[in-house]
Each structure stands twice: as structure tokens, then as C-alpha cells.
Amino acid sequence: MNDIQIGEVLHIYNETLYTNVDFNASHEILKGSFQQKILILISKEDNLPANHELLAKMLTACKLQEADYQISMVLQKNAILPIINQLNPETVLLFGLNLNNEALNAQKNVYKPFRFNQIKFLLSNSLSEVGANAAMKSSLWTTGLKPLFNIQ
């Protein structure tokens, strides 16, 4: 019974089960106070003045003030769920970021709000893509933001 070698027992899994992410190094807060628990995550590539202006216009059209939300730039792609878990938002908007991982295999459509674990999500193309494409911008507004924030 005791003849089992430790090496025979240790290799049960050949995949990573958990990756430790440094919360403080995973994102950079760009703007907002997060009073309404609305989290907006953008990629490093989208951190441009023109995209900030576009996002500000969209959020103003949604009748949101800067105090209502927090805009954060994701610095580590594998940190999206740890950021969400740490901040515990009620609503999450993801621009140009992929929510898929082992814990949540969300093959969800862009511009269609959905709920997961009591959190409302809206996935979108990057701000750069949306800003350059009128059809994407229209879809984001009509099928994404308006239903998400109950705008008539």
C-alpha cells in the first residue's frame, strides 16, 4: 500500500487550474467614482483621446454621470474576471475585450446585454472599431446601451 511513488500521484492535472493575478497591477483606473457600480473595461489599445471622447458621449446619452461609473484600462488580459470579482459591479461594459476563459465560456453576441451571476454584461467591439463604423455604433446604441440602461 505504501509502495506508491509520490510522482505517480502528483500529476493528476496537466492544465492550470488557477492563476494568481495581482489586482493592483491588473488594471489602471482612468476615470469615475463607481457610485452606481457600473464598470467599463477597455483595452490598452483603446486608451486614446478620441475613444475617451466617444465613450463620454455614449455615457452622457445614457444619462450617466462620471460619478456613476468607473472606466478602467485592463493591463493583463487574464485579469478581467479577477477585476470583476474584486470590484463586484452591478453592470459591466467590455470594449474590445474577451470574457472567455475556463470559468466562463461566454460565447455571447456583441451589443446584446446578458446577465451572469447577478451582473449585467454588455460586450462590444473596441472603441476604435465602433468609432470608425456607423453600423456598429448604431447597433451598440439600439440593441446594447438602450436596453441595458432602460432608455426609451
C-alpha atoms as a PDB file:
ATOM      1  CA  MET A   1       0.000   0.000   0.000  1.00  0.00           C
ATOM      2  CA  ASN A   2       2.850   2.382   0.806  1.00  0.00           C
ATOM      3  CA  ASP A   3       4.737   1.391  -2.327  1.00  0.00           C
ATOM      4  CA  ILE A   4       3.115   4.213  -4.371  1.00  0.00           C
ATOM      5  CA  GLN A   5       5.682   6.747  -5.531  1.00  0.00           C
ATOM      6  CA  ILE A   6       4.846  10.414  -4.950  1.00  0.00           C
ATOM      7  CA  GLY A   7       5.437  11.121  -8.655  1.00  0.00           C
ATOM      8  CA  GLU A   8       2.590   8.794  -9.569  1.00  0.00           C
ATOM      9  CA  VAL A   9       0.120  10.825  -7.512  1.00  0.00           C
ATOM     10  CA  LEU A  10       1.187  14.401  -8.196  1.00  0.00           C
ATOM     11  CA  HIS A  11       0.356  14.626 -11.897  1.00  0.00           C
ATOM     12  CA  ILE A  12      -3.414  14.439 -11.685  1.00  0.00           C
ATOM     13  CA  TYR A  13      -3.976  17.572 -13.795  1.00  0.00           C
ATOM     14  CA  ASN A  14      -1.913  18.706 -16.738  1.00  0.00           C
ATOM     15  CA  GLU A  15      -3.626  22.092 -17.038  1.00  0.00           C
ATOM     16  CA  THR A  16      -3.517  25.281 -14.994  1.00  0.00           C
ATOM     17  CA  LEU A  17      -6.373  25.357 -12.512  1.00  0.00           C
ATOM     18  CA  TYR A  18      -5.761  28.808 -11.070  1.00  0.00           C
ATOM     19  CA  THR A  19      -3.589  31.773 -11.965  1.00  0.00           C
ATOM     20  CA  ASN A  20      -2.835  34.330  -9.288  1.00  0.00           C
ATOM     21  CA  VAL A  21      -3.389  37.870 -10.575  1.00  0.00           C
ATOM     22  CA  ASP A  22      -2.067  40.952  -8.791  1.00  0.00           C
ATOM     23  CA  PHE A  23      -5.215  43.083  -8.583  1.00  0.00           C
ATOM     24  CA  ASN A  24      -3.329  46.392  -8.332  1.00  0.00           C
ATOM     25  CA  ALA A  25      -1.208  45.603 -11.402  1.00  0.00           C
ATOM     26  CA  SER A  26      -4.105  44.197 -13.433  1.00  0.00           C
ATOM     27  CA  HIS A  27      -5.792  47.466 -14.359  1.00  0.00           C
ATOM     28  CA  GLU A  28      -5.485  51.221 -14.256  1.00  0.00           C
ATOM     29  CA  ILE A  29      -8.413  53.401 -13.212  1.00  0.00           C
ATOM     30  CA  LEU A  30      -8.850  56.128 -15.796  1.00  0.00           C
ATOM     31  CA  LYS A  31     -11.973  57.921 -14.632  1.00  0.00           C
ATOM     32  CA  GLY A  32     -15.026  57.779 -12.431  1.00  0.00           C
ATOM     33  CA  SER A  33     -16.223  57.182  -8.882  1.00  0.00           C
ATOM     34  CA  PHE A  34     -18.206  53.927  -9.315  1.00  0.00           C
ATOM     35  CA  GLN A  35     -21.201  55.097  -7.228  1.00  0.00           C
ATOM     36  CA  GLN A  36     -23.747  53.205  -9.379  1.00  0.00           C
ATOM     37  CA  LYS A  37     -21.404  50.185  -9.596  1.00  0.00           C
ATOM     38  CA  ILE A  38     -21.035  50.429 -13.385  1.00  0.00           C
ATOM     39  CA  LEU A  39     -17.659  49.111 -14.531  1.00  0.00           C
ATOM     40  CA  ILE A  40     -16.348  49.913 -18.006  1.00  0.00           C
ATOM     41  CA  LEU A  41     -13.292  47.974 -19.106  1.00  0.00           C
ATOM     42  CA  ILE A  42     -11.227  48.984 -22.126  1.00  0.00           C
ATOM     43  CA  SER A  43      -8.037  47.598 -23.645  1.00  0.00           C
ATOM     44  CA  LYS A  44      -4.675  49.372 -23.680  1.00  0.00           C
ATOM     45  CA  GLU A  45      -5.097  49.847 -27.442  1.00  0.00           C
ATOM     46  CA  ASP A  46      -8.363  51.752 -26.886  1.00  0.00           C
ATOM     47  CA  ASN A  47      -6.806  54.206 -24.425  1.00  0.00           C
ATOM     48  CA  LEU A  48      -6.810  57.113 -26.884  1.00  0.00           C
ATOM     49  CA  PRO A  49      -8.257  60.653 -26.530  1.00  0.00           C
ATOM     50  CA  ALA A  50     -10.701  60.152 -29.442  1.00  0.00           C
ATOM     51  CA  ASN A  51     -12.018  56.963 -27.816  1.00  0.00           C
ATOM     52  CA  HIS A  52     -12.389  58.683 -24.441  1.00  0.00           C
ATOM     53  CA  GLU A  53     -14.461  61.367 -26.158  1.00  0.00           C
ATOM     54  CA  LEU A  54     -16.646  58.769 -27.907  1.00  0.00           C
ATOM     55  CA  LEU A  55     -17.183  56.877 -24.661  1.00  0.00           C
ATOM     56  CA  ALA A  56     -18.033  60.093 -22.788  1.00  0.00           C
ATOM     57  CA  LYS A  57     -20.689  60.934 -25.414  1.00  0.00           C
ATOM     58  CA  MET A  58     -22.207  57.461 -25.167  1.00  0.00           C
ATOM     59  CA  LEU A  59     -22.327  57.536 -21.374  1.00  0.00           C
ATOM     60  CA  THR A  60     -23.850  61.025 -21.372  1.00  0.00           C
ATOM     61  CA  ALA A  61     -26.523  59.789 -23.818  1.00  0.00           C
ATOM     62  CA  CYS A  62     -27.215  57.002 -21.293  1.00  0.00           C
ATOM     63  CA  LYS A  63     -27.857  59.724 -18.690  1.00  0.00           C
ATOM     64  CA  LEU A  64     -24.836  58.643 -16.666  1.00  0.00           C
ATOM     65  CA  GLN A  65     -22.519  60.993 -14.829  1.00  0.00           C
ATOM     66  CA  GLU A  66     -18.832  60.427 -14.188  1.00  0.00           C
ATOM     67  CA  ALA A  67     -19.588  59.617 -10.553  1.00  0.00           C
ATOM     68  CA  ASP A  68     -21.837  56.717 -11.632  1.00  0.00           C
ATOM     69  CA  TYR A  69     -19.183  54.581 -13.320  1.00  0.00           C
ATOM     70  CA  GLN A  70     -15.534  53.621 -13.314  1.00  0.00           C
ATOM     71  CA  ILE A  71     -13.516  53.323 -16.517  1.00  0.00           C
ATOM     72  CA  SER A  72     -10.512  51.038 -16.163  1.00  0.00           C
ATOM     73  CA  MET A  73      -7.874  50.016 -18.662  1.00  0.00           C
ATOM     74  CA  VAL A  74      -7.109  46.308 -18.470  1.00  0.00           C
ATOM     75  CA  LEU A  75      -3.356  45.747 -18.322  1.00  0.00           C
ATOM     76  CA  GLN A  76      -3.463  41.940 -18.164  1.00  0.00           C
ATOM     77  CA  LYS A  77      -5.924  40.105 -20.439  1.00  0.00           C
ATOM     78  CA  ASN A  78      -6.279  37.217 -17.961  1.00  0.00           C
ATOM     79  CA  ALA A  79      -7.313  39.663 -15.232  1.00  0.00           C
ATOM     80  CA  ILE A  80     -10.807  40.550 -16.450  1.00  0.00           C
ATOM     81  CA  LEU A  81     -12.693  38.157 -14.157  1.00  0.00           C
ATOM     82  CA  PRO A  82     -10.479  38.876 -11.119  1.00  0.00           C
ATOM     83  CA  ILE A  83     -11.117  42.617 -11.637  1.00  0.00           C
ATOM     84  CA  ILE A  84     -14.859  41.993 -11.840  1.00  0.00           C
ATOM     85  CA  ASN A  85     -14.781  39.726  -8.778  1.00  0.00           C
ATOM     86  CA  GLN A  86     -12.783  42.238  -6.743  1.00  0.00           C
ATOM     87  CA  LEU A  87     -14.913  45.292  -7.619  1.00  0.00           C
ATOM     88  CA  ASN A  88     -18.280  43.482  -7.515  1.00  0.00           C
ATOM     89  CA  PRO A  89     -20.064  45.705 -10.063  1.00  0.00           C
ATOM     90  CA  GLU A  90     -23.736  45.510 -10.957  1.00  0.00           C
ATOM     91  CA  THR A  91     -23.092  46.317 -14.637  1.00  0.00           C
ATOM     92  CA  VAL A  92     -20.028  45.646 -16.806  1.00  0.00           C
ATOM     93  CA  LEU A  93     -19.298  47.050 -20.265  1.00  0.00           C
ATOM     94  CA  LEU A  94     -16.403  45.426 -22.114  1.00  0.00           C
ATOM     95  CA  PHE A  95     -14.904  47.179 -25.136  1.00  0.00           C
ATOM     96  CA  GLY A  96     -12.602  45.104 -27.298  1.00  0.00           C
ATOM     97  CA  LEU A  97     -12.019  42.563 -24.540  1.00  0.00           C
ATOM     98  CA  ASN A  98     -12.821  38.869 -24.500  1.00  0.00           C
ATOM     99  CA  LEU A  99     -14.690  37.484 -21.499  1.00  0.00           C
ATOM    100  CA  ASN A 100     -13.976  33.853 -22.380  1.00  0.00           C
ATOM    101  CA  ASN A 101     -11.891  31.761 -20.026  1.00  0.00           C
ATOM    102  CA  GLU A 102     -12.129  28.406 -18.282  1.00  0.00           C
ATOM    103  CA  ALA A 103     -14.537  29.718 -15.643  1.00  0.00           C
ATOM    104  CA  LEU A 104     -16.930  31.426 -18.048  1.00  0.00           C
ATOM    105  CA  ASN A 105     -17.207  30.216 -21.594  1.00  0.00           C
ATOM    106  CA  ALA A 106     -19.420  33.064 -22.765  1.00  0.00           C
ATOM    107  CA  GLN A 107     -19.881  32.935 -26.497  1.00  0.00           C
ATOM    108  CA  LYS A 108     -22.249  35.866 -26.284  1.00  0.00           C
ATOM    109  CA  ASN A 109     -23.180  38.251 -29.063  1.00  0.00           C
ATOM    110  CA  VAL A 110     -21.827  41.762 -29.056  1.00  0.00           C
ATOM    111  CA  TYR A 111     -24.322  44.569 -28.387  1.00  0.00           C
ATOM    112  CA  LYS A 112     -26.766  42.211 -26.617  1.00  0.00           C
ATOM    113  CA  PRO A 113     -26.925  42.629 -22.840  1.00  0.00           C
ATOM    114  CA  PHE A 114     -26.949  39.453 -20.781  1.00  0.00           C
ATOM    115  CA  ARG A 115     -26.890  38.575 -17.107  1.00  0.00           C
ATOM    116  CA  PHE A 116     -24.397  36.230 -15.463  1.00  0.00           C
ATOM    117  CA  ASN A 117     -24.082  35.687 -11.721  1.00  0.00           C
ATOM    118  CA  GLN A 118     -26.396  38.647 -10.976  1.00  0.00           C
ATOM    119  CA  ILE A 119     -24.209  41.020 -13.062  1.00  0.00           C
ATOM    120  CA  LYS A 120     -25.427  42.688 -16.252  1.00  0.00           C
ATOM    121  CA  PHE A 121     -22.883  42.479 -19.085  1.00  0.00           C
ATOM    122  CA  LEU A 122     -22.567  44.165 -22.465  1.00  0.00           C
ATOM    123  CA  LEU A 123     -19.843  43.086 -24.864  1.00  0.00           C
ATOM    124  CA  SER A 124     -18.714  45.395 -27.649  1.00  0.00           C
ATOM    125  CA  ASN A 125     -16.081  45.696 -30.308  1.00  0.00           C
ATOM    126  CA  SER A 126     -13.205  48.002 -29.442  1.00  0.00           C
ATOM    127  CA  LEU A 127     -13.934  51.712 -29.150  1.00  0.00           C
ATOM    128  CA  SER A 128     -11.682  52.331 -32.164  1.00  0.00           C
ATOM    129  CA  GLU A 129     -13.776  49.944 -34.293  1.00  0.00           C
ATOM    130  CA  VAL A 130     -17.080  51.353 -33.052  1.00  0.00           C
ATOM    131  CA  GLY A 131     -15.951  54.931 -33.665  1.00  0.00           C
ATOM    132  CA  ALA A 132     -14.973  54.117 -37.240  1.00  0.00           C
ATOM    133  CA  ASN A 133     -18.126  52.175 -38.144  1.00  0.00           C
ATOM    134  CA  ALA A 134     -21.562  53.804 -38.123  1.00  0.00           C
ATOM    135  CA  ALA A 135     -23.383  50.452 -38.212  1.00  0.00           C
ATOM    136  CA  MET A 136     -21.522  49.205 -35.120  1.00  0.00           C
ATOM    137  CA  LYS A 137     -22.188  52.473 -33.314  1.00  0.00           C
ATOM    138  CA  SER A 138     -25.890  52.245 -34.161  1.00  0.00           C
ATOM    139  CA  SER A 139     -26.106  48.605 -33.043  1.00  0.00           C
ATOM    140  CA  LEU A 140     -24.289  49.369 -29.797  1.00  0.00           C
ATOM    141  CA  TRP A 141     -26.808  52.113 -29.068  1.00  0.00           C
ATOM    142  CA  THR A 142     -30.061  50.464 -30.209  1.00  0.00           C
ATOM    143  CA  THR A 143     -29.564  46.826 -29.151  1.00  0.00           C
ATOM    144  CA  GLY A 144     -26.989  47.325 -26.402  1.00  0.00           C
ATOM    145  CA  LEU A 145     -26.973  50.513 -24.377  1.00  0.00           C
ATOM    146  CA  LYS A 146     -30.652  51.465 -24.659  1.00  0.00           C
ATOM    147  CA  PRO A 147     -31.949  48.117 -23.345  1.00  0.00           C
ATOM    148  CA  LEU A 148     -29.174  47.849 -20.761  1.00  0.00           C
ATOM    149  CA  PHE A 149     -29.982  51.225 -19.189  1.00  0.00           C
ATOM    150  CA  ASN A 150     -33.745  51.210 -19.950  1.00  0.00           C
ATOM    151  CA  ILE A 151     -33.602  54.227 -22.246  1.00  0.00           C
ATOM    152  CA  GLN A 152     -36.754  54.959 -24.255  1.00  0.00           C
END
